[in-house]
Amino acid sequence: MRARAEAKAATRLRVLRAVLELSEEKMTIEITLDEVASRAATSVQTVLRHFGSRDGLLDAAVALASAEVEQERRAPAGDVAGAVEAVVAHYERRGDFVLRLLGQEHDPRIAAVVGPGKELHRRWVEDTFGPQLQARPEGDREALADLLVVATDLYTWKLLRRDRGLDRPTTQSRMHAMVTAILAGGD
């Protein structure tokens, strides 16, 4: 019984990984159940048995990716260097993919993914820089959080890394300088 449960869980994870891999290669709307099943070395029927529908499959893939993103971005509260390092590493891994998603956010399914992602980023800023935010007068915290959101945003990484062509250490250093300047200057 235990072996069967482990095999079922492994198949489920293989299918979810297949969806995530395919979503890095093409627009989500273009992904078919046949492609997912083929990539996961299983059948469409097995995919449907696990997830019920294509929508159920995509919802489960979003949930898995969201959990992984939260883990990747984890940094000790108040650790500016650690926070910037974590977010840049996250963008190095997933940034181009998320930029493609943002380009599709007119699709309601994609909007349902990127909307919570934007909220996650704001929460990450508020949690990660919580000690610095709490040290400020209450009226200044929201403005300061706004500035920190921008300084650590995916589009900031894109402007430096992709548009300017800077290497990872320079990008990280410039984002760190922005965060440090924001924290030193208040709002």
N, C-alpha and C. Protein backbone atom coordinates (compact mmCIF):
# COMPACT_ATOMS: atom_id res chain seq x y z
N MET A 1 0.82 -1.19 0.00
CA MET A 1 0.00 0.00 0.00
C MET A 1 0.87 1.26 0.00
N ARG A 2 1.92 1.27 0.81
CA ARG A 2 2.82 2.41 0.91
C ARG A 2 3.53 2.64 -0.42
N ALA A 3 3.98 1.58 -1.05
CA ALA A 3 4.67 1.70 -2.34
C ALA A 3 3.74 2.29 -3.40
N ARG A 4 2.50 1.90 -3.35
CA ARG A 4 1.53 2.42 -4.31
C ARG A 4 1.29 3.92 -4.08
N ALA A 5 1.18 4.33 -2.84
CA ALA A 5 0.99 5.75 -2.51
C ALA A 5 2.20 6.57 -2.94
N GLU A 6 3.40 6.02 -2.73
CA GLU A 6 4.62 6.72 -3.15
C GLU A 6 4.69 6.83 -4.66
N ALA A 7 4.29 5.76 -5.37
CA ALA A 7 4.29 5.80 -6.83
C ALA A 7 3.28 6.83 -7.34
N LYS A 8 2.13 6.88 -6.70
CA LYS A 8 1.10 7.85 -7.09
C LYS A 8 1.61 9.28 -6.89
N ALA A 9 2.24 9.53 -5.76
CA ALA A 9 2.79 10.86 -5.47
C ALA A 9 3.90 11.22 -6.45
N ALA A 10 4.73 10.24 -6.80
CA ALA A 10 5.81 10.49 -7.76
C ALA A 10 5.25 10.82 -9.14
N THR A 11 4.22 10.12 -9.55
CA THR A 11 3.58 10.40 -10.84
C THR A 11 2.99 11.80 -10.82
N ARG A 12 2.31 12.14 -9.76
CA ARG A 12 1.69 13.46 -9.64
C ARG A 12 2.76 14.56 -9.75
N LEU A 13 3.85 14.39 -9.05
CA LEU A 13 4.93 15.39 -9.09
C LEU A 13 5.56 15.45 -10.48
N ARG A 14 5.74 14.30 -11.12
CA ARG A 14 6.30 14.26 -12.48
C ARG A 14 5.40 15.03 -13.45
N VAL A 15 4.09 14.88 -13.31
CA VAL A 15 3.14 15.59 -14.17
C VAL A 15 3.22 17.09 -13.90
N LEU A 16 3.27 17.48 -12.64
CA LEU A 16 3.36 18.91 -12.31
C LEU A 16 4.66 19.51 -12.83
N ARG A 17 5.75 18.77 -12.69
CA ARG A 17 7.04 19.26 -13.22
C ARG A 17 6.97 19.42 -14.74
N ALA A 18 6.28 18.49 -15.39
CA ALA A 18 6.12 18.58 -16.85
C ALA A 18 5.39 19.85 -17.24
N VAL A 19 4.34 20.18 -16.51
CA VAL A 19 3.59 21.42 -16.79
C VAL A 19 4.49 22.63 -16.59
N LEU A 20 5.23 22.65 -15.50
CA LEU A 20 6.10 23.80 -15.23
C LEU A 20 7.21 23.93 -16.28
N GLU A 21 7.78 22.82 -16.70
CA GLU A 21 8.79 22.86 -17.76
C GLU A 21 8.19 23.39 -19.06
N LEU A 22 7.04 22.87 -19.43
CA LEU A 22 6.39 23.32 -20.66
C LEU A 22 6.03 24.79 -20.59
N SER A 23 5.63 25.26 -19.42
CA SER A 23 5.24 26.67 -19.30
C SER A 23 6.45 27.60 -19.42
N GLU A 24 7.64 27.07 -19.26
CA GLU A 24 8.84 27.87 -19.48
C GLU A 24 9.21 27.91 -20.96
N GLU A 25 8.64 27.02 -21.74
CA GLU A 25 8.96 26.92 -23.17
C GLU A 25 7.93 27.59 -24.07
N LYS A 26 6.69 27.69 -23.58
CA LYS A 26 5.62 28.22 -24.43
C LYS A 26 4.56 28.87 -23.58
N MET A 27 3.66 29.56 -24.24
CA MET A 27 2.55 30.19 -23.53
C MET A 27 1.68 29.11 -22.91
N THR A 28 1.20 29.38 -21.71
CA THR A 28 0.41 28.41 -20.96
C THR A 28 -0.81 27.94 -21.74
N ILE A 29 -1.43 28.85 -22.45
CA ILE A 29 -2.64 28.51 -23.21
C ILE A 29 -2.35 27.47 -24.30
N GLU A 30 -1.09 27.38 -24.73
CA GLU A 30 -0.70 26.44 -25.79
C GLU A 30 -0.39 25.04 -25.28
N ILE A 31 -0.28 24.87 -23.98
CA ILE A 31 0.10 23.57 -23.41
C ILE A 31 -1.10 22.63 -23.48
N THR A 32 -0.87 21.45 -24.07
CA THR A 32 -1.94 20.45 -24.17
C THR A 32 -1.72 19.32 -23.17
N LEU A 33 -2.80 18.64 -22.86
CA LEU A 33 -2.69 17.48 -21.97
C LEU A 33 -1.83 16.39 -22.59
N ASP A 34 -1.89 16.24 -23.92
CA ASP A 34 -1.05 15.25 -24.60
C ASP A 34 0.43 15.55 -24.37
N GLU A 35 0.82 16.82 -24.47
CA GLU A 35 2.22 17.20 -24.24
C GLU A 35 2.63 16.93 -22.80
N VAL A 36 1.76 17.28 -21.88
CA VAL A 36 2.07 17.07 -20.47
C VAL A 36 2.26 15.58 -20.20
N ALA A 37 1.32 14.77 -20.67
CA ALA A 37 1.40 13.33 -20.45
C ALA A 37 2.67 12.75 -21.07
N SER A 38 2.97 13.17 -22.28
CA SER A 38 4.17 12.68 -22.95
C SER A 38 5.43 13.06 -22.17
N ARG A 39 5.54 14.31 -21.75
CA ARG A 39 6.70 14.78 -21.01
C ARG A 39 6.83 14.06 -19.68
N ALA A 40 5.70 13.72 -19.06
CA ALA A 40 5.70 13.04 -17.76
C ALA A 40 5.76 11.53 -17.88
N ALA A 41 5.84 11.02 -19.12
CA ALA A 41 5.89 9.58 -19.37
C ALA A 41 4.69 8.86 -18.75
N THR A 42 3.52 9.40 -19.03
CA THR A 42 2.28 8.80 -18.54
C THR A 42 1.20 9.03 -19.59
N SER A 43 -0.04 8.74 -19.25
CA SER A 43 -1.14 8.92 -20.21
C SER A 43 -2.00 10.13 -19.83
N VAL A 44 -2.75 10.62 -20.79
CA VAL A 44 -3.68 11.71 -20.53
C VAL A 44 -4.69 11.27 -19.47
N GLN A 45 -5.13 10.03 -19.56
CA GLN A 45 -6.10 9.52 -18.58
C GLN A 45 -5.54 9.57 -17.17
N THR A 46 -4.27 9.25 -17.01
CA THR A 46 -3.64 9.33 -15.69
C THR A 46 -3.59 10.78 -15.21
N VAL A 47 -3.26 11.68 -16.10
CA VAL A 47 -3.24 13.11 -15.74
C VAL A 47 -4.62 13.53 -15.25
N LEU A 48 -5.65 13.14 -16.00
CA LEU A 48 -7.02 13.51 -15.62
C LEU A 48 -7.46 12.85 -14.32
N ARG A 49 -7.01 11.61 -14.09
CA ARG A 49 -7.34 10.93 -12.84
C ARG A 49 -6.75 11.68 -11.64
N HIS A 50 -5.56 12.23 -11.82
CA HIS A 50 -4.91 12.95 -10.72
C HIS A 50 -5.49 14.34 -10.50
N PHE A 51 -5.85 15.02 -11.58
CA PHE A 51 -6.18 16.44 -11.48
C PHE A 51 -7.60 16.80 -11.92
N GLY A 52 -8.32 15.86 -12.52
CA GLY A 52 -9.70 16.09 -12.88
C GLY A 52 -9.93 16.80 -14.20
N SER A 53 -9.09 17.79 -14.50
CA SER A 53 -9.25 18.58 -15.72
C SER A 53 -7.95 19.34 -16.00
N ARG A 54 -7.89 19.95 -17.15
CA ARG A 54 -6.73 20.79 -17.49
C ARG A 54 -6.64 21.94 -16.49
N ASP A 55 -7.79 22.55 -16.16
CA ASP A 55 -7.79 23.64 -15.18
C ASP A 55 -7.29 23.17 -13.82
N GLY A 56 -7.72 22.00 -13.40
CA GLY A 56 -7.25 21.44 -12.13
C GLY A 56 -5.75 21.21 -12.14
N LEU A 57 -5.25 20.74 -13.26
CA LEU A 57 -3.81 20.52 -13.43
C LEU A 57 -3.06 21.85 -13.33
N LEU A 58 -3.53 22.85 -14.05
CA LEU A 58 -2.85 24.16 -14.03
C LEU A 58 -2.93 24.79 -12.65
N ASP A 59 -4.05 24.65 -11.97
CA ASP A 59 -4.17 25.18 -10.60
C ASP A 59 -3.16 24.51 -9.67
N ALA A 60 -3.01 23.21 -9.78
CA ALA A 60 -2.06 22.48 -8.93
C ALA A 60 -0.62 22.89 -9.26
N ALA A 61 -0.33 23.12 -10.53
CA ALA A 61 1.01 23.55 -10.94
C ALA A 61 1.31 24.94 -10.38
N VAL A 62 0.32 25.82 -10.41
CA VAL A 62 0.49 27.17 -9.85
C VAL A 62 0.76 27.08 -8.35
N ALA A 63 0.03 26.23 -7.66
CA ALA A 63 0.22 26.08 -6.21
C ALA A 63 1.64 25.58 -5.91
N LEU A 64 2.11 24.60 -6.68
CA LEU A 64 3.47 24.08 -6.47
C LEU A 64 4.51 25.17 -6.74
N ALA A 65 4.36 25.87 -7.85
CA ALA A 65 5.32 26.92 -8.21
C ALA A 65 5.32 28.03 -7.16
N SER A 66 4.15 28.40 -6.66
CA SER A 66 4.06 29.45 -5.64
C SER A 66 4.79 29.05 -4.37
N ALA A 67 4.63 27.82 -3.96
CA ALA A 67 5.33 27.34 -2.76
C ALA A 67 6.84 27.36 -2.97
N GLU A 68 7.28 26.98 -4.16
CA GLU A 68 8.72 27.00 -4.46
C GLU A 68 9.26 28.42 -4.48
N VAL A 69 8.49 29.35 -5.03
CA VAL A 69 8.91 30.75 -5.08
C VAL A 69 9.08 31.30 -3.67
N GLU A 70 8.13 31.04 -2.81
CA GLU A 70 8.25 31.53 -1.44
C GLU A 70 9.51 30.99 -0.77
N GLN A 71 9.82 29.73 -1.01
CA GLN A 71 11.01 29.13 -0.44
C GLN A 71 12.28 29.75 -1.01
N GLU A 72 12.32 29.96 -2.32
CA GLU A 72 13.50 30.54 -2.98
C GLU A 72 13.82 31.95 -2.47
N ARG A 73 12.80 32.70 -2.14
CA ARG A 73 12.98 34.10 -1.77
C ARG A 73 13.21 34.29 -0.27
N ARG A 74 13.19 33.24 0.47
CA ARG A 74 13.30 33.34 1.93
C ARG A 74 14.65 33.95 2.32
N ALA A 75 14.57 34.93 3.22
CA ALA A 75 15.77 35.58 3.75
C ALA A 75 15.46 36.00 5.18
N PRO A 76 16.47 36.03 6.03
CA PRO A 76 16.23 36.45 7.42
C PRO A 76 15.68 37.88 7.47
N ALA A 77 14.70 38.12 8.30
CA ALA A 77 14.14 39.46 8.45
C ALA A 77 15.22 40.44 8.85
N GLY A 78 15.27 41.56 8.15
CA GLY A 78 16.23 42.61 8.45
C GLY A 78 17.57 42.48 7.76
N ASP A 79 17.84 41.37 7.10
CA ASP A 79 19.12 41.11 6.44
C ASP A 79 19.05 41.65 5.00
N VAL A 80 19.48 42.88 4.82
CA VAL A 80 19.38 43.54 3.50
C VAL A 80 20.18 42.78 2.46
N ALA A 81 21.43 42.48 2.75
CA ALA A 81 22.27 41.78 1.76
C ALA A 81 21.70 40.41 1.43
N GLY A 82 21.25 39.69 2.44
CA GLY A 82 20.66 38.37 2.22
C GLY A 82 19.38 38.44 1.41
N ALA A 83 18.58 39.46 1.67
CA ALA A 83 17.33 39.63 0.94
C ALA A 83 17.59 39.92 -0.53
N VAL A 84 18.48 40.83 -0.80
CA VAL A 84 18.78 41.18 -2.20
C VAL A 84 19.41 39.97 -2.91
N GLU A 85 20.30 39.28 -2.23
CA GLU A 85 20.89 38.08 -2.83
C GLU A 85 19.83 37.04 -3.15
N ALA A 86 18.90 36.82 -2.23
CA ALA A 86 17.84 35.83 -2.45
C ALA A 86 16.93 36.22 -3.60
N VAL A 87 16.53 37.48 -3.66
CA VAL A 87 15.60 37.88 -4.72
C VAL A 87 16.29 37.88 -6.08
N VAL A 88 17.55 38.26 -6.14
CA VAL A 88 18.27 38.21 -7.42
C VAL A 88 18.46 36.76 -7.86
N ALA A 89 18.79 35.87 -6.94
CA ALA A 89 18.91 34.45 -7.29
C ALA A 89 17.58 33.92 -7.82
N HIS A 90 16.50 34.33 -7.17
CA HIS A 90 15.16 33.92 -7.63
C HIS A 90 14.91 34.44 -9.06
N TYR A 91 15.23 35.70 -9.32
CA TYR A 91 15.01 36.25 -10.65
C TYR A 91 15.93 35.59 -11.68
N GLU A 92 17.12 35.24 -11.30
CA GLU A 92 18.01 34.54 -12.22
C GLU A 92 17.40 33.20 -12.63
N ARG A 93 16.74 32.55 -11.70
CA ARG A 93 16.14 31.25 -11.97
C ARG A 93 14.82 31.38 -12.73
N ARG A 94 13.98 32.32 -12.34
CA ARG A 94 12.61 32.36 -12.88
C ARG A 94 12.25 33.67 -13.57
N GLY A 95 13.12 34.65 -13.57
CA GLY A 95 12.77 35.98 -14.04
C GLY A 95 12.26 36.03 -15.47
N ASP A 96 12.96 35.40 -16.39
CA ASP A 96 12.54 35.45 -17.79
C ASP A 96 11.18 34.78 -17.97
N PHE A 97 10.96 33.69 -17.27
CA PHE A 97 9.68 33.00 -17.32
C PHE A 97 8.55 33.90 -16.80
N VAL A 98 8.78 34.54 -15.67
CA VAL A 98 7.75 35.40 -15.09
C VAL A 98 7.49 36.60 -15.99
N LEU A 99 8.52 37.12 -16.62
CA LEU A 99 8.31 38.22 -17.58
C LEU A 99 7.39 37.78 -18.71
N ARG A 100 7.56 36.54 -19.19
CA ARG A 100 6.66 36.02 -20.23
C ARG A 100 5.24 35.91 -19.69
N LEU A 101 5.10 35.47 -18.45
CA LEU A 101 3.76 35.40 -17.84
C LEU A 101 3.13 36.79 -17.77
N LEU A 102 3.91 37.76 -17.33
CA LEU A 102 3.38 39.12 -17.22
C LEU A 102 2.92 39.64 -18.58
N GLY A 103 3.58 39.21 -19.64
CA GLY A 103 3.17 39.59 -20.99
C GLY A 103 1.85 38.95 -21.42
N GLN A 104 1.39 37.97 -20.65
CA GLN A 104 0.13 37.28 -20.95
C GLN A 104 -0.96 37.57 -19.92
N GLU A 105 -0.74 38.55 -19.07
CA GLU A 105 -1.68 38.74 -17.96
C GLU A 105 -3.06 39.22 -18.39
N HIS A 106 -3.24 39.50 -19.68
CA HIS A 106 -4.59 39.79 -20.18
C HIS A 106 -5.46 38.53 -20.16
N ASP A 107 -4.84 37.35 -20.16
CA ASP A 107 -5.55 36.08 -20.05
C ASP A 107 -5.95 35.90 -18.57
N PRO A 108 -7.22 35.70 -18.29
CA PRO A 108 -7.66 35.60 -16.88
C PRO A 108 -6.93 34.53 -16.08
N ARG A 109 -6.58 33.39 -16.69
CA ARG A 109 -5.86 32.34 -15.97
C ARG A 109 -4.47 32.84 -15.57
N ILE A 110 -3.82 33.55 -16.47
CA ILE A 110 -2.48 34.06 -16.16
C ILE A 110 -2.58 35.20 -15.14
N ALA A 111 -3.60 36.04 -15.30
CA ALA A 111 -3.82 37.12 -14.33
C ALA A 111 -4.01 36.54 -12.93
N ALA A 112 -4.64 35.37 -12.86
CA ALA A 112 -4.84 34.71 -11.57
C ALA A 112 -3.53 34.21 -10.97
N VAL A 113 -2.51 34.07 -11.81
CA VAL A 113 -1.19 33.65 -11.33
C VAL A 113 -0.35 34.86 -10.95
N VAL A 114 -0.28 35.85 -11.84
CA VAL A 114 0.61 36.98 -11.59
C VAL A 114 0.07 37.94 -10.53
N GLY A 115 -1.25 38.02 -10.39
CA GLY A 115 -1.82 38.87 -9.34
C GLY A 115 -1.33 38.46 -7.96
N PRO A 116 -1.52 37.19 -7.59
CA PRO A 116 -0.99 36.74 -6.30
C PRO A 116 0.54 36.84 -6.21
N GLY A 117 1.22 36.72 -7.35
CA GLY A 117 2.67 36.88 -7.35
C GLY A 117 3.08 38.30 -6.95
N LYS A 118 2.33 39.28 -7.43
CA LYS A 118 2.60 40.67 -7.06
C LYS A 118 2.34 40.89 -5.56
N GLU A 119 1.26 40.27 -5.08
CA GLU A 119 0.96 40.36 -3.64
C GLU A 119 2.04 39.67 -2.81
N LEU A 120 2.52 38.53 -3.30
CA LEU A 120 3.59 37.80 -2.62
C LEU A 120 4.83 38.68 -2.50
N HIS A 121 5.15 39.42 -3.57
CA HIS A 121 6.35 40.27 -3.53
C HIS A 121 6.18 41.36 -2.46
N ARG A 122 5.02 41.96 -2.41
CA ARG A 122 4.79 43.01 -1.40
C ARG A 122 4.90 42.42 0.01
N ARG A 123 4.28 41.27 0.24
CA ARG A 123 4.38 40.62 1.55
C ARG A 123 5.83 40.29 1.88
N TRP A 124 6.57 39.82 0.86
CA TRP A 124 7.98 39.49 1.07
C TRP A 124 8.74 40.73 1.53
N VAL A 125 8.49 41.85 0.88
CA VAL A 125 9.14 43.10 1.27
C VAL A 125 8.78 43.46 2.71
N GLU A 126 7.50 43.41 3.02
CA GLU A 126 7.05 43.78 4.37
C GLU A 126 7.60 42.84 5.44
N ASP A 127 7.71 41.56 5.13
CA ASP A 127 8.27 40.60 6.09
C ASP A 127 9.78 40.72 6.19
N THR A 128 10.43 40.76 5.03
CA THR A 128 11.90 40.75 5.01
C THR A 128 12.49 42.03 5.57
N PHE A 129 11.87 43.15 5.25
CA PHE A 129 12.35 44.44 5.76
C PHE A 129 11.51 44.92 6.94
N GLY A 130 10.80 43.99 7.56
CA GLY A 130 9.94 44.33 8.69
C GLY A 130 10.64 45.10 9.80
N PRO A 131 11.83 44.67 10.23
CA PRO A 131 12.50 45.42 11.30
C PRO A 131 12.77 46.88 10.91
N GLN A 132 13.20 47.09 9.68
CA GLN A 132 13.47 48.45 9.22
C GLN A 132 12.16 49.25 9.10
N LEU A 133 11.10 48.61 8.63
CA LEU A 133 9.82 49.31 8.49
C LEU A 133 9.24 49.65 9.86
N GLN A 134 9.34 48.73 10.81
CA GLN A 134 8.79 48.97 12.14
C GLN A 134 9.52 50.09 12.88
N ALA A 135 10.75 50.34 12.50
CA ALA A 135 11.53 51.39 13.15
C ALA A 135 11.10 52.79 12.68
N ARG A 136 10.25 52.86 11.68
CA ARG A 136 9.80 54.15 11.12
C ARG A 136 8.44 54.54 11.68
N PRO A 137 8.13 55.82 11.64
CA PRO A 137 6.78 56.23 12.03
C PRO A 137 5.74 55.55 11.15
N GLU A 138 4.61 55.22 11.72
CA GLU A 138 3.58 54.45 11.00
C GLU A 138 3.23 55.06 9.65
N GLY A 139 3.12 56.36 9.56
CA GLY A 139 2.76 57.03 8.31
C GLY A 139 3.80 56.87 7.21
N ASP A 140 5.06 56.62 7.58
CA ASP A 140 6.14 56.48 6.60
C ASP A 140 6.28 55.06 6.07
N ARG A 141 5.73 54.09 6.78
CA ARG A 141 5.96 52.68 6.44
C ARG A 141 5.45 52.30 5.07
N GLU A 142 4.26 52.74 4.71
CA GLU A 142 3.68 52.37 3.42
C GLU A 142 4.51 52.93 2.27
N ALA A 143 4.90 54.19 2.37
CA ALA A 143 5.72 54.81 1.32
C ALA A 143 7.07 54.11 1.21
N LEU A 144 7.67 53.79 2.35
CA LEU A 144 8.95 53.10 2.36
C LEU A 144 8.80 51.70 1.75
N ALA A 145 7.72 51.01 2.09
CA ALA A 145 7.48 49.68 1.50
C ALA A 145 7.30 49.80 -0.01
N ASP A 146 6.59 50.83 -0.47
CA ASP A 146 6.43 51.03 -1.92
C ASP A 146 7.79 51.15 -2.60
N LEU A 147 8.67 51.95 -2.03
CA LEU A 147 10.00 52.14 -2.62
C LEU A 147 10.80 50.84 -2.61
N LEU A 148 10.71 50.08 -1.54
CA LEU A 148 11.42 48.80 -1.46
C LEU A 148 10.86 47.78 -2.45
N VAL A 149 9.55 47.81 -2.66
CA VAL A 149 8.94 46.94 -3.66
C VAL A 149 9.55 47.23 -5.03
N VAL A 150 9.66 48.51 -5.38
CA VAL A 150 10.21 48.89 -6.68
C VAL A 150 11.69 48.52 -6.78
N ALA A 151 12.45 48.78 -5.74
CA ALA A 151 13.89 48.51 -5.76
C ALA A 151 14.21 47.03 -5.90
N THR A 152 13.30 46.17 -5.45
CA THR A 152 13.54 44.73 -5.49
C THR A 152 12.63 44.02 -6.50
N ASP A 153 11.98 44.77 -7.34
CA ASP A 153 11.00 44.21 -8.28
C ASP A 153 11.67 43.51 -9.45
N LEU A 154 10.93 42.60 -10.06
CA LEU A 154 11.39 41.90 -11.25
C LEU A 154 11.77 42.86 -12.36
N TYR A 155 10.98 43.90 -12.55
CA TYR A 155 11.28 44.85 -13.63
C TYR A 155 12.57 45.63 -13.36
N THR A 156 12.91 45.86 -12.11
CA THR A 156 14.18 46.49 -11.78
C THR A 156 15.32 45.56 -12.18
N TRP A 157 15.18 44.28 -11.83
CA TRP A 157 16.17 43.28 -12.24
C TRP A 157 16.29 43.25 -13.76
N LYS A 158 15.15 43.24 -14.45
CA LYS A 158 15.15 43.20 -15.92
C LYS A 158 15.86 44.41 -16.51
N LEU A 159 15.57 45.61 -15.99
CA LEU A 159 16.22 46.82 -16.51
C LEU A 159 17.75 46.74 -16.39
N LEU A 160 18.21 46.23 -15.27
CA LEU A 160 19.65 46.15 -15.05
C LEU A 160 20.28 44.95 -15.77
N ARG A 161 19.66 43.80 -15.62
CA ARG A 161 20.25 42.54 -16.09
C ARG A 161 20.04 42.33 -17.59
N ARG A 162 18.84 42.53 -18.05
CA ARG A 162 18.54 42.24 -19.45
C ARG A 162 18.71 43.47 -20.34
N ASP A 163 18.09 44.59 -19.95
CA ASP A 163 18.15 45.77 -20.80
C ASP A 163 19.54 46.40 -20.83
N ARG A 164 20.17 46.54 -19.68
CA ARG A 164 21.51 47.13 -19.60
C ARG A 164 22.60 46.09 -19.85
N GLY A 165 22.28 44.81 -19.69
CA GLY A 165 23.26 43.75 -19.93
C GLY A 165 24.29 43.62 -18.82
N LEU A 166 23.96 44.07 -17.62
CA LEU A 166 24.89 43.96 -16.50
C LEU A 166 24.97 42.52 -16.02
N ASP A 167 26.12 42.14 -15.46
CA ASP A 167 26.24 40.79 -14.93
C ASP A 167 25.51 40.69 -13.59
N ARG A 168 25.38 39.47 -13.14
CA ARG A 168 24.62 39.22 -11.90
C ARG A 168 25.19 39.96 -10.70
N PRO A 169 26.52 39.90 -10.46
CA PRO A 169 27.04 40.61 -9.28
C PRO A 169 26.80 42.12 -9.33
N THR A 170 26.92 42.71 -10.51
CA THR A 170 26.69 44.15 -10.63
C THR A 170 25.22 44.48 -10.42
N THR A 171 24.37 43.67 -10.99
CA THR A 171 22.92 43.86 -10.79
C THR A 171 22.59 43.77 -9.31
N GLN A 172 23.10 42.76 -8.66
CA GLN A 172 22.85 42.58 -7.23
C GLN A 172 23.38 43.76 -6.44
N SER A 173 24.56 44.22 -6.77
CA SER A 173 25.17 45.36 -6.08
C SER A 173 24.33 46.63 -6.25
N ARG A 174 23.82 46.86 -7.44
CA ARG A 174 23.02 48.07 -7.68
C ARG A 174 21.66 47.99 -6.99
N MET A 175 21.06 46.82 -6.97
CA MET A 175 19.80 46.68 -6.25
C MET A 175 20.04 46.85 -4.75
N HIS A 176 21.15 46.31 -4.25
CA HIS A 176 21.50 46.47 -2.84
C HIS A 176 21.71 47.95 -2.52
N ALA A 177 22.38 48.68 -3.41
CA ALA A 177 22.61 50.12 -3.19
C ALA A 177 21.29 50.88 -3.12
N MET A 178 20.34 50.51 -4.00
CA MET A 178 19.03 51.18 -3.95
C MET A 178 18.32 50.92 -2.63
N VAL A 179 18.30 49.66 -2.21
CA VAL A 179 17.62 49.30 -0.96
C VAL A 179 18.28 50.04 0.21
N THR A 180 19.59 50.03 0.23
CA THR A 180 20.33 50.70 1.32
C THR A 180 20.03 52.20 1.34
N ALA A 181 20.01 52.82 0.16
CA ALA A 181 19.72 54.27 0.08
C ALA A 181 18.29 54.55 0.54
N ILE A 182 17.37 53.72 0.14
CA ILE A 182 15.97 53.90 0.56
C ILE A 182 15.86 53.80 2.08
N LEU A 183 16.49 52.79 2.64
CA LEU A 183 16.41 52.60 4.09
C LEU A 183 17.13 53.73 4.84
N ALA A 184 18.20 54.25 4.28
CA ALA A 184 18.93 55.32 4.93
C ALA A 184 18.18 56.65 4.85
N GLY A 185 17.44 56.83 3.76
CA GLY A 185 16.78 58.12 3.55
C GLY A 185 15.36 58.18 4.01
N GLY A 186 14.79 57.07 4.41
CA GLY A 186 13.37 57.08 4.79
C GLY A 186 12.52 57.04 3.55
N ASP A 187 11.73 58.06 3.32
CA ASP A 187 10.91 58.08 2.11
C ASP A 187 11.27 59.31 1.32
